[in-house]
Amino acid sequence: MYLKYAVWGLLVLSSLMLLFIFFRNSSGGRVLSALGLNIVVAAFLLYTLNLLSTYTQFDLPINTATLGTVTVLGVPGVLLLIGLKLTLL
């Protein structure tokens, strides 16, 4: 039980230190805002793809893995996920 609290404490402490380092640096806010914008654009792309699924009969779930892939790769990430789904299913 104490190990569980120690792990959570370590997670909180490391998260606070990471935020401190980001905001201490002058470009830290820019990095976080760019990351947030990429996540919003990725979610919008996946939502649009799922919105058009009535016409295309193709949908991708919006979860952490798909959102992370599309956030990092952008539109090629969507095409990668579509190719993987068509190939594997």
PDB file of N, CA and C in Angstrom:
ATOM      1  N   MET A   1       0.826  -1.187   0.000  1.00  0.00           N
ATOM      2  CA  MET A   1       0.000   0.000   0.000  1.00  0.00           C
ATOM      3  C   MET A   1       0.871   1.252   0.000  1.00  0.00           C
ATOM      4  N   TYR A   2       1.968   1.216   0.773  1.00  0.00           N
ATOM      5  CA  TYR A   2       2.848   2.387   0.810  1.00  0.00           C
ATOM      6  C   TYR A   2       3.561   2.588  -0.514  1.00  0.00           C
ATOM      7  N   LEU A   3       3.803   1.504  -1.226  1.00  0.00           N
ATOM      8  CA  LEU A   3       4.454   1.602  -2.525  1.00  0.00           C
ATOM      9  C   LEU A   3       3.563   2.341  -3.515  1.00  0.00           C
ATOM     10  N   LYS A   4       2.261   2.108  -3.423  1.00  0.00           N
ATOM     11  CA  LYS A   4       1.309   2.789  -4.304  1.00  0.00           C
ATOM     12  C   LYS A   4       1.357   4.303  -4.074  1.00  0.00           C
ATOM     13  N   TYR A   5       1.387   4.718  -2.818  1.00  0.00           N
ATOM     14  CA  TYR A   5       1.473   6.148  -2.512  1.00  0.00           C
ATOM     15  C   TYR A   5       2.815   6.724  -2.944  1.00  0.00           C
ATOM     16  N   ALA A   6       3.861   5.953  -2.825  1.00  0.00           N
ATOM     17  CA  ALA A   6       5.187   6.417  -3.245  1.00  0.00           C
ATOM     18  C   ALA A   6       5.234   6.628  -4.750  1.00  0.00           C
ATOM     19  N   VAL A   7       4.614   5.724  -5.508  1.00  0.00           N
ATOM     20  CA  VAL A   7       4.590   5.863  -6.969  1.00  0.00           C
ATOM     21  C   VAL A   7       3.777   7.080  -7.371  1.00  0.00           C
ATOM     22  N   TRP A   8       2.623   7.271  -6.738  1.00  0.00           N
ATOM     23  CA  TRP A   8       1.807   8.443  -7.054  1.00  0.00           C
ATOM     24  C   TRP A   8       2.522   9.738  -6.669  1.00  0.00           C
ATOM     25  N   GLY A   9       3.194   9.736  -5.541  1.00  0.00           N
ATOM     26  CA  GLY A   9       3.954  10.908  -5.125  1.00  0.00           C
ATOM     27  C   GLY A   9       5.070  11.229  -6.094  1.00  0.00           C
ATOM     28  N   LEU A  10       5.762  10.203  -6.565  1.00  0.00           N
ATOM     29  CA  LEU A  10       6.824  10.394  -7.552  1.00  0.00           C
ATOM     30  C   LEU A  10       6.267  10.944  -8.859  1.00  0.00           C
ATOM     31  N   LEU A  11       5.100  10.449  -9.272  1.00  0.00           N
ATOM     32  CA  LEU A  11       4.463  10.949 -10.495  1.00  0.00           C
ATOM     33  C   LEU A  11       4.093  12.421 -10.367  1.00  0.00           C
ATOM     34  N   VAL A  12       3.492  12.790  -9.233  1.00  0.00           N
ATOM     35  CA  VAL A  12       3.101  14.185  -9.027  1.00  0.00           C
ATOM     36  C   VAL A  12       4.331  15.079  -8.964  1.00  0.00           C
ATOM     37  N   LEU A  13       5.351  14.651  -8.243  1.00  0.00           N
ATOM     38  CA  LEU A  13       6.565  15.447  -8.121  1.00  0.00           C
ATOM     39  C   LEU A  13       7.256  15.637  -9.469  1.00  0.00           C
ATOM     40  N   SER A  14       7.362  14.577 -10.248  1.00  0.00           N
ATOM     41  CA  SER A  14       8.020  14.700 -11.546  1.00  0.00           C
ATOM     42  C   SER A  14       7.191  15.549 -12.507  1.00  0.00           C
ATOM     43  N   SER A  15       5.867  15.473 -12.422  1.00  0.00           N
ATOM     44  CA  SER A  15       5.019  16.315 -13.275  1.00  0.00           C
ATOM     45  C   SER A  15       5.174  17.785 -12.917  1.00  0.00           C
ATOM     46  N   LEU A  16       5.208  18.080 -11.627  1.00  0.00           N
ATOM     47  CA  LEU A  16       5.400  19.470 -11.201  1.00  0.00           C
ATOM     48  C   LEU A  16       6.768  20.002 -11.614  1.00  0.00           C
ATOM     49  N   MET A  17       7.794  19.173 -11.507  1.00  0.00           N
ATOM     50  CA  MET A  17       9.123  19.608 -11.927  1.00  0.00           C
ATOM     51  C   MET A  17       9.176  19.833 -13.436  1.00  0.00           C
ATOM     52  N   LEU A  18       8.499  18.992 -14.201  1.00  0.00           N
ATOM     53  CA  LEU A  18       8.461  19.170 -15.653  1.00  0.00           C
ATOM     54  C   LEU A  18       7.760  20.468 -16.023  1.00  0.00           C
ATOM     55  N   LEU A  19       6.635  20.749 -15.367  1.00  0.00           N
ATOM     56  CA  LEU A  19       5.939  22.015 -15.624  1.00  0.00           C
ATOM     57  C   LEU A  19       6.805  23.209 -15.219  1.00  0.00           C
ATOM     58  N   PHE A  20       7.524  23.091 -14.112  1.00  0.00           N
ATOM     59  CA  PHE A  20       8.418  24.170 -13.687  1.00  0.00           C
ATOM     60  C   PHE A  20       9.494  24.430 -14.730  1.00  0.00           C
ATOM     61  N   ILE A  21      10.064  23.378 -15.276  1.00  0.00           N
ATOM     62  CA  ILE A  21      11.109  23.535 -16.288  1.00  0.00           C
ATOM     63  C   ILE A  21      10.534  24.149 -17.562  1.00  0.00           C
ATOM     64  N   PHE A  22       9.319  23.715 -17.943  1.00  0.00           N
ATOM     65  CA  PHE A  22       8.709  24.282 -19.138  1.00  0.00           C
ATOM     66  C   PHE A  22       8.437  25.761 -18.985  1.00  0.00           C
ATOM     67  N   PHE A  23       7.894  26.171 -17.844  1.00  0.00           N
ATOM     68  CA  PHE A  23       7.522  27.570 -17.687  1.00  0.00           C
ATOM     69  C   PHE A  23       8.693  28.456 -17.290  1.00  0.00           C
ATOM     70  N   ARG A  24       9.773  27.877 -16.799  1.00  0.00           N
ATOM     71  CA  ARG A  24      10.967  28.663 -16.505  1.00  0.00           C
ATOM     72  C   ARG A  24      11.634  29.101 -17.794  1.00  0.00           C
ATOM     73  N   ASN A  25      11.593  28.240 -18.788  1.00  0.00           N
ATOM     74  CA  ASN A  25      12.169  28.544 -20.084  1.00  0.00           C
ATOM     75  C   ASN A  25      11.221  29.491 -20.823  1.00  0.00           C
ATOM     76  N   SER A  26      11.748  30.420 -21.579  1.00  0.00           N
ATOM     77  CA  SER A  26      10.898  31.400 -22.259  1.00  0.00           C
ATOM     78  C   SER A  26      10.067  30.780 -23.374  1.00  0.00           C
ATOM     79  N   SER A  27      10.543  29.700 -23.963  1.00  0.00           N
ATOM     80  CA  SER A  27       9.791  29.080 -25.055  1.00  0.00           C
ATOM     81  C   SER A  27       8.934  27.916 -24.579  1.00  0.00           C
ATOM     82  N   GLY A  28       8.861  27.681 -23.285  1.00  0.00           N
ATOM     83  CA  GLY A  28       8.084  26.563 -22.753  1.00  0.00           C
ATOM     84  C   GLY A  28       6.598  26.693 -23.011  1.00  0.00           C
ATOM     85  N   GLY A  29       6.065  27.892 -22.864  1.00  0.00           N
ATOM     86  CA  GLY A  29       4.646  28.114 -23.124  1.00  0.00           C
ATOM     87  C   GLY A  29       4.299  27.900 -24.582  1.00  0.00           C
ATOM     88  N   ARG A  30       5.220  28.272 -25.450  1.00  0.00           N
ATOM     89  CA  ARG A  30       5.009  28.060 -26.876  1.00  0.00           C
ATOM     90  C   ARG A  30       4.955  26.579 -27.225  1.00  0.00           C
ATOM     91  N   VAL A  31       5.804  25.794 -26.588  1.00  0.00           N
ATOM     92  CA  VAL A  31       5.824  24.353 -26.847  1.00  0.00           C
ATOM     93  C   VAL A  31       4.519  23.711 -26.397  1.00  0.00           C
ATOM     94  N   LEU A  32       4.049  24.082 -25.209  1.00  0.00           N
ATOM     95  CA  LEU A  32       2.796  23.522 -24.707  1.00  0.00           C
ATOM     96  C   LEU A  32       1.602  23.950 -25.546  1.00  0.00           C
ATOM     97  N   SER A  33       1.581  25.199 -25.996  1.00  0.00           N
ATOM     98  CA  SER A  33       0.459  25.653 -26.819  1.00  0.00           C
ATOM     99  C   SER A  33       0.493  24.994 -28.198  1.00  0.00           C
ATOM    100  N   ALA A  34       1.668  24.780 -28.757  1.00  0.00           N
ATOM    101  CA  ALA A  34       1.761  24.086 -30.047  1.00  0.00           C
ATOM    102  C   ALA A  34       1.315  22.638 -29.913  1.00  0.00           C
ATOM    103  N   LEU A  35       1.691  21.986 -28.826  1.00  0.00           N
ATOM    104  CA  LEU A  35       1.261  20.618 -28.584  1.00  0.00           C
ATOM    105  C   LEU A  35      -0.254  20.542 -28.411  1.00  0.00           C
ATOM    106  N   GLY A  36      -0.805  21.487 -27.669  1.00  0.00           N
ATOM    107  CA  GLY A  36      -2.260  21.538 -27.498  1.00  0.00           C
ATOM    108  C   GLY A  36      -2.984  21.765 -28.813  1.00  0.00           C
ATOM    109  N   LEU A  37      -2.445  22.637 -29.655  1.00  0.00           N
ATOM    110  CA  LEU A  37      -3.057  22.883 -30.956  1.00  0.00           C
ATOM    111  C   LEU A  37      -2.986  21.642 -31.836  1.00  0.00           C
ATOM    112  N   ASN A  38      -1.869  20.931 -31.807  1.00  0.00           N
ATOM    113  CA  ASN A  38      -1.757  19.694 -32.586  1.00  0.00           C
ATOM    114  C   ASN A  38      -2.751  18.643 -32.120  1.00  0.00           C
ATOM    115  N   ILE A  39      -2.986  18.543 -30.817  1.00  0.00           N
ATOM    116  CA  ILE A  39      -3.954  17.582 -30.298  1.00  0.00           C
ATOM    117  C   ILE A  39      -5.362  17.947 -30.738  1.00  0.00           C
ATOM    118  N   VAL A  40      -5.698  19.227 -30.719  1.00  0.00           N
ATOM    119  CA  VAL A  40      -7.036  19.664 -31.144  1.00  0.00           C
ATOM    120  C   VAL A  40      -7.236  19.394 -32.631  1.00  0.00           C
ATOM    121  N   VAL A  41      -6.241  19.680 -33.451  1.00  0.00           N
ATOM    122  CA  VAL A  41      -6.353  19.430 -34.890  1.00  0.00           C
ATOM    123  C   VAL A  41      -6.478  17.936 -35.166  1.00  0.00           C
ATOM    124  N   ALA A  42      -5.725  17.113 -34.431  1.00  0.00           N
ATOM    125  CA  ALA A  42      -5.806  15.659 -34.609  1.00  0.00           C
ATOM    126  C   ALA A  42      -7.187  15.145 -34.238  1.00  0.00           C
ATOM    127  N   ALA A  43      -7.733  15.630 -33.129  1.00  0.00           N
ATOM    128  CA  ALA A  43      -9.076  15.206 -32.721  1.00  0.00           C
ATOM    129  C   ALA A  43     -10.113  15.645 -33.755  1.00  0.00           C
ATOM    130  N   PHE A  44      -9.940  16.831 -34.314  1.00  0.00           N
ATOM    131  CA  PHE A  44     -10.864  17.308 -35.342  1.00  0.00           C
ATOM    132  C   PHE A  44     -10.787  16.451 -36.602  1.00  0.00           C
ATOM    133  N   LEU A  45      -9.575  16.058 -36.997  1.00  0.00           N
ATOM    134  CA  LEU A  45      -9.422  15.188 -38.167  1.00  0.00           C
ATOM    135  C   LEU A  45     -10.104  13.837 -37.951  1.00  0.00           C
ATOM    136  N   LEU A  46      -9.885  13.244 -36.775  1.00  0.00           N
ATOM    137  CA  LEU A  46     -10.516  11.954 -36.491  1.00  0.00           C
ATOM    138  C   LEU A  46     -12.031  12.087 -36.388  1.00  0.00           C
ATOM    139  N   TYR A  47     -12.502  13.185 -35.799  1.00  0.00           N
ATOM    140  CA  TYR A  47     -13.943  13.403 -35.696  1.00  0.00           C
ATOM    141  C   TYR A  47     -14.562  13.579 -37.083  1.00  0.00           C
ATOM    142  N   THR A  48     -13.887  14.324 -37.949  1.00  0.00           N
ATOM    143  CA  THR A  48     -14.391  14.517 -39.314  1.00  0.00           C
ATOM    144  C   THR A  48     -14.430  13.194 -40.069  1.00  0.00           C
ATOM    145  N   LEU A  49     -13.405  12.377 -39.895  1.00  0.00           N
ATOM    146  CA  LEU A  49     -13.395  11.065 -40.535  1.00  0.00           C
ATOM    147  C   LEU A  49     -14.551  10.209 -40.032  1.00  0.00           C
ATOM    148  N   ASN A  50     -14.822  10.249 -38.737  1.00  0.00           N
ATOM    149  CA  ASN A  50     -15.930   9.477 -38.183  1.00  0.00           C
ATOM    150  C   ASN A  50     -17.280  10.071 -38.574  1.00  0.00           C
ATOM    151  N   LEU A  51     -17.331  11.382 -38.762  1.00  0.00           N
ATOM    152  CA  LEU A  51     -18.573  12.029 -39.191  1.00  0.00           C
ATOM    153  C   LEU A  51     -18.928  11.606 -40.613  1.00  0.00           C
ATOM    154  N   LEU A  52     -17.918  11.414 -41.449  1.00  0.00           N
ATOM    155  CA  LEU A  52     -18.146  10.991 -42.827  1.00  0.00           C
ATOM    156  C   LEU A  52     -18.263   9.474 -42.967  1.00  0.00           C
ATOM    157  N   SER A  53     -18.260   8.756 -41.860  1.00  0.00           N
ATOM    158  CA  SER A  53     -18.287   7.294 -41.927  1.00  0.00           C
ATOM    159  C   SER A  53     -19.622   6.766 -42.454  1.00  0.00           C
ATOM    160  N   THR A  54     -20.679   7.569 -42.415  1.00  0.00           N
ATOM    161  CA  THR A  54     -21.945   7.114 -42.989  1.00  0.00           C
ATOM    162  C   THR A  54     -21.838   7.000 -44.501  1.00  0.00           C
ATOM    163  N   TYR A  55     -21.001   7.814 -45.109  1.00  0.00           N
ATOM    164  CA  TYR A  55     -20.813   7.764 -46.553  1.00  0.00           C
ATOM    165  C   TYR A  55     -19.725   6.767 -46.961  1.00  0.00           C
ATOM    166  N   THR A  56     -18.689   6.670 -46.139  1.00  0.00           N
ATOM    167  CA  THR A  56     -17.544   5.837 -46.509  1.00  0.00           C
ATOM    168  C   THR A  56     -17.559   4.462 -45.856  1.00  0.00           C
ATOM    169  N   GLN A  57     -18.419   4.227 -44.887  1.00  0.00           N
ATOM    170  CA  GLN A  57     -18.467   2.978 -44.109  1.00  0.00           C
ATOM    171  C   GLN A  57     -17.104   2.647 -43.506  1.00  0.00           C
ATOM    172  N   PHE A  58     -16.413   3.669 -43.060  1.00  0.00           N
ATOM    173  CA  PHE A  58     -15.086   3.501 -42.477  1.00  0.00           C
ATOM    174  C   PHE A  58     -14.974   4.424 -41.273  1.00  0.00           C
ATOM    175  N   ASP A  59     -14.615   3.868 -40.128  1.00  0.00           N
ATOM    176  CA  ASP A  59     -14.465   4.697 -38.941  1.00  0.00           C
ATOM    177  C   ASP A  59     -13.233   4.280 -38.147  1.00  0.00           C
ATOM    178  N   LEU A  60     -12.651   5.245 -37.498  1.00  0.00           N
ATOM    179  CA  LEU A  60     -11.519   5.021 -36.612  1.00  0.00           C
ATOM    180  C   LEU A  60     -11.919   5.494 -35.222  1.00  0.00           C
ATOM    181  N   PRO A  61     -11.616   4.735 -34.194  1.00  0.00           N
ATOM    182  CA  PRO A  61     -11.957   5.186 -32.843  1.00  0.00           C
ATOM    183  C   PRO A  61     -11.063   6.350 -32.418  1.00  0.00           C
ATOM    184  N   ILE A  62     -11.612   7.220 -31.612  1.00  0.00           N
ATOM    185  CA  ILE A  62     -10.820   8.314 -31.061  1.00  0.00           C
ATOM    186  C   ILE A  62     -10.364   7.857 -29.680  1.00  0.00           C
ATOM    187  N   ASN A  63      -9.144   7.355 -29.597  1.00  0.00           N
ATOM    188  CA  ASN A  63      -8.562   6.941 -28.326  1.00  0.00           C
ATOM    189  C   ASN A  63      -7.140   7.480 -28.243  1.00  0.00           C
ATOM    190  N   THR A  64      -6.451   7.125 -27.199  1.00  0.00           N
ATOM    191  CA  THR A  64      -5.112   7.685 -26.965  1.00  0.00           C
ATOM    192  C   THR A  64      -4.130   7.309 -28.066  1.00  0.00           C
ATOM    193  N   ALA A  65      -4.196   6.078 -28.531  1.00  0.00           N
ATOM    194  CA  ALA A  65      -3.239   5.627 -29.553  1.00  0.00           C
ATOM    195  C   ALA A  65      -3.469   6.340 -30.883  1.00  0.00           C
ATOM    196  N   THR A  66      -4.723   6.420 -31.331  1.00  0.00           N
ATOM    197  CA  THR A  66      -4.993   7.077 -32.608  1.00  0.00           C
ATOM    198  C   THR A  66      -4.754   8.579 -32.518  1.00  0.00           C
ATOM    199  N   LEU A  67      -5.132   9.170 -31.397  1.00  0.00           N
ATOM    200  CA  LEU A  67      -4.921  10.603 -31.230  1.00  0.00           C
ATOM    201  C   LEU A  67      -3.436  10.933 -31.183  1.00  0.00           C
ATOM    202  N   GLY A  68      -2.652  10.106 -30.514  1.00  0.00           N
ATOM    203  CA  GLY A  68      -1.202  10.329 -30.461  1.00  0.00           C
ATOM    204  C   GLY A  68      -0.550  10.174 -31.822  1.00  0.00           C
ATOM    205  N   THR A  69      -0.994   9.171 -32.590  1.00  0.00           N
ATOM    206  CA  THR A  69      -0.433   8.959 -33.925  1.00  0.00           C
ATOM    207  C   THR A  69      -0.733  10.135 -34.837  1.00  0.00           C
ATOM    208  N   VAL A  70      -1.968  10.599 -34.813  1.00  0.00           N
ATOM    209  CA  VAL A  70      -2.344  11.714 -35.682  1.00  0.00           C
ATOM    210  C   VAL A  70      -1.730  13.019 -35.187  1.00  0.00           C
ATOM    211  N   THR A  71      -1.532  13.157 -33.874  1.00  0.00           N
ATOM    212  CA  THR A  71      -0.888  14.361 -33.347  1.00  0.00           C
ATOM    213  C   THR A  71       0.554  14.465 -33.834  1.00  0.00           C
ATOM    214  N   VAL A  72       1.265  13.358 -33.807  1.00  0.00           N
ATOM    215  CA  VAL A  72       2.678  13.385 -34.194  1.00  0.00           C
ATOM    216  C   VAL A  72       2.837  13.452 -35.711  1.00  0.00           C
ATOM    217  N   LEU A  73       2.052  12.660 -36.444  1.00  0.00           N
ATOM    218  CA  LEU A  73       2.258  12.553 -37.889  1.00  0.00           C
ATOM    219  C   LEU A  73       1.339  13.438 -38.732  1.00  0.00           C
ATOM    220  N   GLY A  74       0.217  13.866 -38.194  1.00  0.00           N
ATOM    221  CA  GLY A  74      -0.709  14.704 -38.953  1.00  0.00           C
ATOM    222  C   GLY A  74      -1.538  13.882 -39.920  1.00  0.00           C
ATOM    223  N   VAL A  75      -1.767  14.426 -41.113  1.00  0.00           N
ATOM    224  CA  VAL A  75      -2.576  13.743 -42.128  1.00  0.00           C
ATOM    225  C   VAL A  75      -1.949  12.416 -42.555  1.00  0.00           C
ATOM    226  N   PRO A  76      -0.625  12.325 -42.704  1.00  0.00           N
ATOM    227  CA  PRO A  76      -0.061  10.994 -42.989  1.00  0.00           C
ATOM    228  C   PRO A  76      -0.355   9.982 -41.886  1.00  0.00           C
ATOM    229  N   GLY A  77      -0.524  10.442 -40.655  1.00  0.00           N
ATOM    230  CA  GLY A  77      -0.898   9.548 -39.572  1.00  0.00           C
ATOM    231  C   GLY A  77      -2.297   8.989 -39.757  1.00  0.00           C
ATOM    232  N   VAL A  78      -3.216   9.834 -40.251  1.00  0.00           N
ATOM    233  CA  VAL A  78      -4.569   9.356 -40.545  1.00  0.00           C
ATOM    234  C   VAL A  78      -4.515   8.319 -41.655  1.00  0.00           C
ATOM    235  N   LEU A  79      -3.736   8.604 -42.685  1.00  0.00           N
ATOM    236  CA  LEU A  79      -3.607   7.644 -43.784  1.00  0.00           C
ATOM    237  C   LEU A  79      -2.950   6.345 -43.314  1.00  0.00           C
ATOM    238  N   LEU A  80      -1.984   6.450 -42.407  1.00  0.00           N
ATOM    239  CA  LEU A  80      -1.352   5.267 -41.844  1.00  0.00           C
ATOM    240  C   LEU A  80      -2.364   4.421 -41.079  1.00  0.00           C
ATOM    241  N   LEU A  81      -3.191   5.059 -40.264  1.00  0.00           N
ATOM    242  CA  LEU A  81      -4.192   4.314 -39.509  1.00  0.00           C
ATOM    243  C   LEU A  81      -5.240   3.687 -40.414  1.00  0.00           C
ATOM    244  N   ILE A  82      -5.611   4.391 -41.468  1.00  0.00           N
ATOM    245  CA  ILE A  82      -6.567   3.838 -42.427  1.00  0.00           C
ATOM    246  C   ILE A  82      -5.951   2.612 -43.115  1.00  0.00           C
ATOM    247  N   GLY A  83      -4.690   2.727 -43.531  1.00  0.00           N
ATOM    248  CA  GLY A  83      -4.016   1.601 -44.164  1.00  0.00           C
ATOM    249  C   GLY A  83      -3.884   0.410 -43.227  1.00  0.00           C
ATOM    250  N   LEU A  84      -3.562   0.674 -41.959  1.00  0.00           N
ATOM    251  CA  LEU A  84      -3.462  -0.418 -41.007  1.00  0.00           C
ATOM    252  C   LEU A  84      -4.799  -1.100 -40.771  1.00  0.00           C
ATOM    253  N   LYS A  85      -5.850  -0.296 -40.693  1.00  0.00           N
ATOM    254  CA  LYS A  85      -7.167  -0.895 -40.458  1.00  0.00           C
ATOM    255  C   LYS A  85      -7.607  -1.706 -41.662  1.00  0.00           C
ATOM    256  N   LEU A  86      -7.346  -1.212 -42.861  1.00  0.00           N
ATOM    257  CA  LEU A  86      -7.729  -1.967 -44.058  1.00  0.00           C
ATOM    258  C   LEU A  86      -6.901  -3.235 -44.211  1.00  0.00           C
ATOM    259  N   THR A  87      -5.634  -3.161 -43.829  1.00  0.00           N
ATOM    260  CA  THR A  87      -4.760  -4.320 -43.980  1.00  0.00           C
ATOM    261  C   THR A  87      -5.045  -5.397 -42.940  1.00  0.00           C
ATOM    262  N   LEU A  88      -5.225  -4.979 -41.700  1.00  0.00           N
ATOM    263  CA  LEU A  88      -5.376  -5.936 -40.612  1.00  0.00           C
ATOM    264  C   LEU A  88      -6.792  -6.451 -40.439  1.00  0.00           C
ATOM    265  N   LEU A  89      -7.777  -5.711 -40.874  1.00  0.00           N
ATOM    266  CA  LEU A  89      -9.163  -6.166 -40.693  1.00  0.00           C
ATOM    267  C   LEU A  89      -9.774  -6.559 -41.981  1.00  0.00           C
TER     268      LEU A  89
END
